């Protein structure tokens, strides 16, 4: 029992804290869920899908997800610039877990 409790009290190595730190806002999970289903979207398409997120927060969240290796950002040299975001294999590996969480929410929270 002590060993079980230790893994959660070790602030630097706690598996729950490490995972949650990457998704500390609802936006990261929502963006991953969307890209997991749609596969590739432009910035404005993501913004239209999430009308209650500010462009600044969307941009920041996308950068974080990219730094974590969960999404790819592809810039096309055009005028105006075209940027597409897609889910990576690492991000895709989260989709079964995220799908289970979504399905649990639908069945248990009635939404």
N, C-alpha and C. Protein backbone atom coordinates (compact mmCIF):
# COMPACT_ATOMS: atom_id res chain seq x y z
N UNK A 1 0.83 -1.20 0.00
CA UNK A 1 0.00 0.00 0.00
C UNK A 1 0.87 1.26 0.00
N UNK A 2 1.94 1.24 0.76
CA UNK A 2 2.84 2.40 0.83
C UNK A 2 3.43 2.73 -0.54
N UNK A 3 3.77 1.67 -1.31
CA UNK A 3 4.33 1.86 -2.65
C UNK A 3 3.30 2.51 -3.57
N UNK A 4 2.06 2.10 -3.46
CA UNK A 4 0.98 2.68 -4.28
C UNK A 4 0.82 4.16 -3.96
N UNK A 5 0.77 4.48 -2.69
CA UNK A 5 0.59 5.87 -2.30
C UNK A 5 1.80 6.72 -2.68
N UNK A 6 2.99 6.15 -2.65
CA UNK A 6 4.21 6.89 -2.96
C UNK A 6 4.20 7.40 -4.41
N UNK A 7 3.71 6.58 -5.34
CA UNK A 7 3.73 7.02 -6.74
C UNK A 7 2.85 8.26 -6.96
N UNK A 8 1.85 8.46 -6.11
CA UNK A 8 1.00 9.64 -6.25
C UNK A 8 1.54 10.84 -5.47
N UNK A 9 2.33 10.58 -4.44
CA UNK A 9 2.85 11.68 -3.63
C UNK A 9 4.18 12.22 -4.16
N UNK A 10 4.81 11.49 -5.06
CA UNK A 10 6.07 11.94 -5.67
C UNK A 10 5.72 12.96 -6.76
N UNK A 11 5.76 14.23 -6.39
CA UNK A 11 5.29 15.31 -7.25
C UNK A 11 5.94 15.28 -8.64
N UNK A 12 7.23 15.03 -8.71
CA UNK A 12 7.93 15.05 -10.00
C UNK A 12 7.66 13.87 -10.88
N UNK A 13 7.22 12.76 -10.32
CA UNK A 13 7.04 11.53 -11.09
C UNK A 13 5.63 10.94 -11.03
N UNK A 14 4.70 11.64 -10.46
CA UNK A 14 3.33 11.14 -10.34
C UNK A 14 2.72 10.97 -11.73
N UNK A 15 2.26 9.76 -12.08
CA UNK A 15 1.70 9.55 -13.42
C UNK A 15 0.45 10.38 -13.69
N UNK A 16 -0.36 10.59 -12.69
CA UNK A 16 -1.59 11.37 -12.89
C UNK A 16 -1.24 12.84 -13.11
N UNK A 17 -0.37 13.38 -12.28
CA UNK A 17 0.03 14.79 -12.43
C UNK A 17 0.69 15.03 -13.79
N UNK A 18 1.53 14.09 -14.23
CA UNK A 18 2.23 14.26 -15.51
C UNK A 18 1.25 14.30 -16.68
N UNK A 19 0.24 13.45 -16.64
CA UNK A 19 -0.75 13.44 -17.72
C UNK A 19 -1.61 14.69 -17.66
N UNK A 20 -2.12 15.01 -16.49
CA UNK A 20 -3.01 16.16 -16.34
C UNK A 20 -2.30 17.47 -16.71
N UNK A 21 -1.02 17.56 -16.44
CA UNK A 21 -0.30 18.80 -16.75
C UNK A 21 -0.33 19.12 -18.24
N UNK A 22 -0.47 18.10 -19.08
CA UNK A 22 -0.54 18.33 -20.52
C UNK A 22 -1.94 18.75 -20.97
N UNK A 23 -2.93 18.48 -20.14
CA UNK A 23 -4.32 18.77 -20.51
C UNK A 23 -5.00 19.55 -19.41
N UNK A 24 -4.32 20.55 -18.88
CA UNK A 24 -4.86 21.27 -17.74
C UNK A 24 -6.04 22.18 -18.10
N UNK A 25 -6.30 22.32 -19.38
CA UNK A 25 -7.49 23.07 -19.80
C UNK A 25 -8.36 22.16 -20.65
N UNK A 26 -9.58 22.54 -20.80
CA UNK A 26 -10.48 21.74 -21.63
C UNK A 26 -10.11 21.82 -23.12
N UNK A 27 -9.41 22.87 -23.49
CA UNK A 27 -9.15 23.09 -24.92
C UNK A 27 -8.26 22.02 -25.53
N UNK A 28 -7.24 21.60 -24.83
CA UNK A 28 -6.34 20.59 -25.38
C UNK A 28 -7.07 19.30 -25.72
N UNK A 29 -7.90 18.84 -24.81
CA UNK A 29 -8.66 17.62 -25.05
C UNK A 29 -9.69 17.80 -26.16
N UNK A 30 -10.33 18.95 -26.20
CA UNK A 30 -11.31 19.21 -27.27
C UNK A 30 -10.63 19.24 -28.64
N UNK A 31 -9.50 19.90 -28.73
CA UNK A 31 -8.78 19.98 -30.01
C UNK A 31 -8.33 18.59 -30.44
N UNK A 32 -7.80 17.80 -29.50
CA UNK A 32 -7.39 16.43 -29.84
C UNK A 32 -8.58 15.60 -30.28
N UNK A 33 -9.72 15.73 -29.60
CA UNK A 33 -10.91 14.98 -29.99
C UNK A 33 -11.35 15.34 -31.40
N UNK A 34 -11.33 16.63 -31.71
CA UNK A 34 -11.73 17.09 -33.05
C UNK A 34 -10.76 16.57 -34.10
N UNK A 35 -9.46 16.77 -33.88
CA UNK A 35 -8.47 16.33 -34.87
C UNK A 35 -8.41 14.81 -34.96
N UNK A 36 -8.73 14.13 -33.88
CA UNK A 36 -8.78 12.67 -33.92
C UNK A 36 -9.87 12.16 -34.84
N UNK A 37 -10.95 12.91 -34.95
CA UNK A 37 -12.06 12.52 -35.83
C UNK A 37 -11.90 13.09 -37.24
N UNK A 38 -11.54 14.36 -37.33
CA UNK A 38 -11.50 15.03 -38.64
C UNK A 38 -10.14 14.86 -39.32
N UNK A 39 -9.09 14.65 -38.53
CA UNK A 39 -7.72 14.37 -38.96
C UNK A 39 -6.91 15.61 -39.31
N UNK A 40 -7.46 16.59 -40.00
CA UNK A 40 -6.69 17.75 -40.41
C UNK A 40 -7.62 18.96 -40.58
N UNK A 41 -7.24 20.08 -39.96
CA UNK A 41 -8.04 21.30 -40.07
C UNK A 41 -7.13 22.52 -40.09
N UNK A 42 -7.65 23.58 -40.69
CA UNK A 42 -6.96 24.87 -40.65
C UNK A 42 -7.34 25.59 -39.36
N UNK A 43 -6.56 26.60 -39.03
CA UNK A 43 -6.77 27.36 -37.79
C UNK A 43 -8.20 27.87 -37.71
N UNK A 44 -8.69 28.53 -38.76
CA UNK A 44 -10.03 29.11 -38.73
C UNK A 44 -11.12 28.03 -38.62
N UNK A 45 -10.88 26.87 -39.19
CA UNK A 45 -11.86 25.78 -39.06
C UNK A 45 -11.94 25.31 -37.61
N UNK A 46 -10.78 25.22 -36.95
CA UNK A 46 -10.77 24.87 -35.53
C UNK A 46 -11.47 25.95 -34.71
N UNK A 47 -11.20 27.20 -35.05
CA UNK A 47 -11.81 28.31 -34.31
C UNK A 47 -13.33 28.30 -34.48
N UNK A 48 -13.82 27.99 -35.66
CA UNK A 48 -15.27 27.91 -35.88
C UNK A 48 -15.88 26.72 -35.13
N UNK A 49 -15.11 25.63 -35.00
CA UNK A 49 -15.60 24.46 -34.27
C UNK A 49 -15.68 24.74 -32.77
N UNK A 50 -14.86 25.67 -32.29
CA UNK A 50 -14.81 26.04 -30.87
C UNK A 50 -15.05 27.55 -30.75
N UNK A 51 -16.28 28.01 -30.95
CA UNK A 51 -16.53 29.45 -31.01
C UNK A 51 -16.28 30.18 -29.69
N UNK A 52 -16.19 29.46 -28.58
CA UNK A 52 -15.99 30.13 -27.29
C UNK A 52 -14.52 30.20 -26.87
N UNK A 53 -13.60 29.89 -27.78
CA UNK A 53 -12.17 30.02 -27.49
C UNK A 53 -11.65 31.26 -28.21
N UNK A 54 -10.79 32.01 -27.55
CA UNK A 54 -10.21 33.18 -28.20
C UNK A 54 -9.09 32.73 -29.14
N UNK A 55 -8.82 33.50 -30.19
CA UNK A 55 -7.73 33.14 -31.09
C UNK A 55 -6.39 33.00 -30.36
N UNK A 56 -6.15 33.84 -29.37
CA UNK A 56 -4.90 33.79 -28.61
C UNK A 56 -4.77 32.47 -27.84
N UNK A 57 -5.84 32.05 -27.18
CA UNK A 57 -5.82 30.80 -26.42
C UNK A 57 -5.73 29.60 -27.36
N UNK A 58 -6.43 29.65 -28.49
CA UNK A 58 -6.35 28.58 -29.48
C UNK A 58 -4.92 28.44 -29.98
N UNK A 59 -4.31 29.56 -30.34
CA UNK A 59 -2.93 29.54 -30.82
C UNK A 59 -1.98 28.97 -29.78
N UNK A 60 -2.13 29.40 -28.55
CA UNK A 60 -1.28 28.92 -27.46
C UNK A 60 -1.46 27.43 -27.22
N UNK A 61 -2.71 26.97 -27.24
CA UNK A 61 -3.00 25.55 -27.02
C UNK A 61 -2.44 24.71 -28.15
N UNK A 62 -2.57 25.18 -29.38
CA UNK A 62 -2.02 24.45 -30.52
C UNK A 62 -0.50 24.34 -30.41
N UNK A 63 0.16 25.42 -29.99
CA UNK A 63 1.62 25.38 -29.82
C UNK A 63 2.02 24.37 -28.75
N UNK A 64 1.28 24.33 -27.66
CA UNK A 64 1.57 23.37 -26.59
C UNK A 64 1.40 21.94 -27.09
N UNK A 65 0.30 21.68 -27.78
CA UNK A 65 0.06 20.33 -28.30
C UNK A 65 1.13 19.93 -29.32
N UNK A 66 1.58 20.90 -30.10
CA UNK A 66 2.65 20.63 -31.07
C UNK A 66 3.97 20.32 -30.34
N UNK A 67 4.29 21.11 -29.33
CA UNK A 67 5.51 20.88 -28.55
C UNK A 67 5.49 19.52 -27.86
N UNK A 68 4.31 19.07 -27.46
CA UNK A 68 4.16 17.77 -26.81
C UNK A 68 4.16 16.62 -27.82
N UNK A 69 4.20 16.96 -29.11
CA UNK A 69 4.24 15.93 -30.15
C UNK A 69 2.90 15.28 -30.44
N UNK A 70 1.81 15.94 -30.04
CA UNK A 70 0.48 15.37 -30.22
C UNK A 70 -0.18 15.80 -31.53
N UNK A 71 0.24 16.95 -32.04
CA UNK A 71 -0.27 17.42 -33.34
C UNK A 71 0.89 17.93 -34.18
N UNK A 72 0.65 17.97 -35.49
CA UNK A 72 1.60 18.56 -36.44
C UNK A 72 1.04 19.87 -36.95
N UNK A 73 1.94 20.79 -37.24
CA UNK A 73 1.58 22.07 -37.85
C UNK A 73 2.30 22.14 -39.18
N UNK A 74 1.55 22.35 -40.25
CA UNK A 74 2.15 22.44 -41.58
C UNK A 74 1.82 23.80 -42.17
N UNK A 75 2.86 24.55 -42.49
CA UNK A 75 2.72 25.89 -43.06
C UNK A 75 2.97 25.80 -44.56
N UNK A 76 2.02 26.30 -45.35
CA UNK A 76 2.16 26.34 -46.79
C UNK A 76 2.59 27.74 -47.20
N UNK A 77 3.59 27.85 -48.05
CA UNK A 77 4.06 29.19 -48.46
C UNK A 77 3.10 29.80 -49.48
N UNK A 78 2.10 30.47 -48.99
CA UNK A 78 1.12 31.11 -49.87
C UNK A 78 0.71 32.44 -49.25
N UNK A 79 0.00 33.23 -50.04
CA UNK A 79 -0.52 34.50 -49.56
C UNK A 79 -2.03 34.45 -49.71
N UNK A 80 -2.78 34.55 -48.62
CA UNK A 80 -2.32 34.59 -47.23
C UNK A 80 -1.77 33.23 -46.81
N UNK A 81 -0.98 33.20 -45.75
CA UNK A 81 -0.40 31.93 -45.31
C UNK A 81 -1.49 30.91 -44.97
N UNK A 82 -1.23 29.67 -45.34
CA UNK A 82 -2.16 28.58 -45.04
C UNK A 82 -1.46 27.66 -44.04
N UNK A 83 -2.12 27.41 -42.92
CA UNK A 83 -1.58 26.53 -41.89
C UNK A 83 -2.59 25.45 -41.59
N UNK A 84 -2.14 24.20 -41.60
CA UNK A 84 -3.00 23.08 -41.28
C UNK A 84 -2.46 22.36 -40.05
N UNK A 85 -3.39 21.85 -39.25
CA UNK A 85 -3.04 21.09 -38.05
C UNK A 85 -3.60 19.69 -38.21
N UNK A 86 -2.78 18.71 -37.87
CA UNK A 86 -3.21 17.31 -37.94
C UNK A 86 -2.70 16.57 -36.72
N UNK A 87 -3.34 15.47 -36.43
CA UNK A 87 -2.96 14.67 -35.26
C UNK A 87 -1.78 13.77 -35.63
N UNK A 88 -0.88 13.58 -34.70
CA UNK A 88 0.28 12.71 -34.92
C UNK A 88 -0.07 11.29 -34.46
N UNK A 89 0.85 10.36 -34.70
CA UNK A 89 0.65 9.00 -34.20
C UNK A 89 0.57 8.99 -32.68
N UNK A 90 1.40 9.82 -32.04
CA UNK A 90 1.37 9.91 -30.58
C UNK A 90 0.01 10.43 -30.11
N UNK A 91 -0.50 11.47 -30.76
CA UNK A 91 -1.83 11.98 -30.42
C UNK A 91 -2.91 10.96 -30.70
N UNK A 92 -2.76 10.27 -31.81
CA UNK A 92 -3.74 9.25 -32.19
C UNK A 92 -3.77 8.11 -31.17
N UNK A 93 -2.65 7.84 -30.52
CA UNK A 93 -2.62 6.78 -29.52
C UNK A 93 -3.49 7.11 -28.31
N UNK A 94 -3.82 8.38 -28.14
CA UNK A 94 -4.72 8.80 -27.05
C UNK A 94 -6.20 8.66 -27.40
N UNK A 95 -6.50 8.50 -28.68
CA UNK A 95 -7.90 8.51 -29.11
C UNK A 95 -8.76 7.41 -28.49
N UNK A 96 -8.27 6.17 -28.35
CA UNK A 96 -9.13 5.18 -27.68
C UNK A 96 -9.47 5.59 -26.25
N UNK A 97 -8.50 6.14 -25.54
CA UNK A 97 -8.73 6.58 -24.16
C UNK A 97 -9.70 7.75 -24.14
N UNK A 98 -9.47 8.72 -25.03
CA UNK A 98 -10.34 9.89 -25.09
C UNK A 98 -11.75 9.49 -25.53
N UNK A 99 -11.85 8.55 -26.45
CA UNK A 99 -13.17 8.06 -26.87
C UNK A 99 -13.91 7.41 -25.72
N UNK A 100 -13.18 6.62 -24.92
CA UNK A 100 -13.80 6.00 -23.74
C UNK A 100 -14.29 7.07 -22.77
N UNK A 101 -13.49 8.12 -22.57
CA UNK A 101 -13.88 9.20 -21.67
C UNK A 101 -15.12 9.93 -22.20
N UNK A 102 -15.15 10.18 -23.50
CA UNK A 102 -16.30 10.83 -24.12
C UNK A 102 -17.55 9.96 -23.98
N UNK A 103 -17.40 8.67 -24.27
CA UNK A 103 -18.55 7.75 -24.16
C UNK A 103 -19.03 7.64 -22.72
N UNK A 104 -18.10 7.62 -21.76
CA UNK A 104 -18.49 7.60 -20.35
C UNK A 104 -19.28 8.85 -20.01
N UNK A 105 -18.81 10.00 -20.49
CA UNK A 105 -19.52 11.26 -20.24
C UNK A 105 -20.92 11.26 -20.83
N UNK A 106 -21.06 10.70 -22.02
CA UNK A 106 -22.38 10.64 -22.66
C UNK A 106 -23.31 9.74 -21.85
N UNK A 107 -22.82 8.57 -21.44
CA UNK A 107 -23.69 7.64 -20.73
C UNK A 107 -23.95 8.03 -19.28
N UNK A 108 -22.97 8.60 -18.62
CA UNK A 108 -23.11 8.88 -17.20
C UNK A 108 -23.59 10.30 -16.90
N UNK A 109 -23.30 11.22 -17.79
CA UNK A 109 -23.69 12.61 -17.56
C UNK A 109 -24.86 13.03 -18.44
N UNK A 110 -25.30 12.12 -19.30
CA UNK A 110 -26.49 12.36 -20.10
C UNK A 110 -26.34 13.41 -21.17
N UNK A 111 -25.16 13.53 -21.73
CA UNK A 111 -24.96 14.54 -22.78
C UNK A 111 -24.43 13.93 -24.03
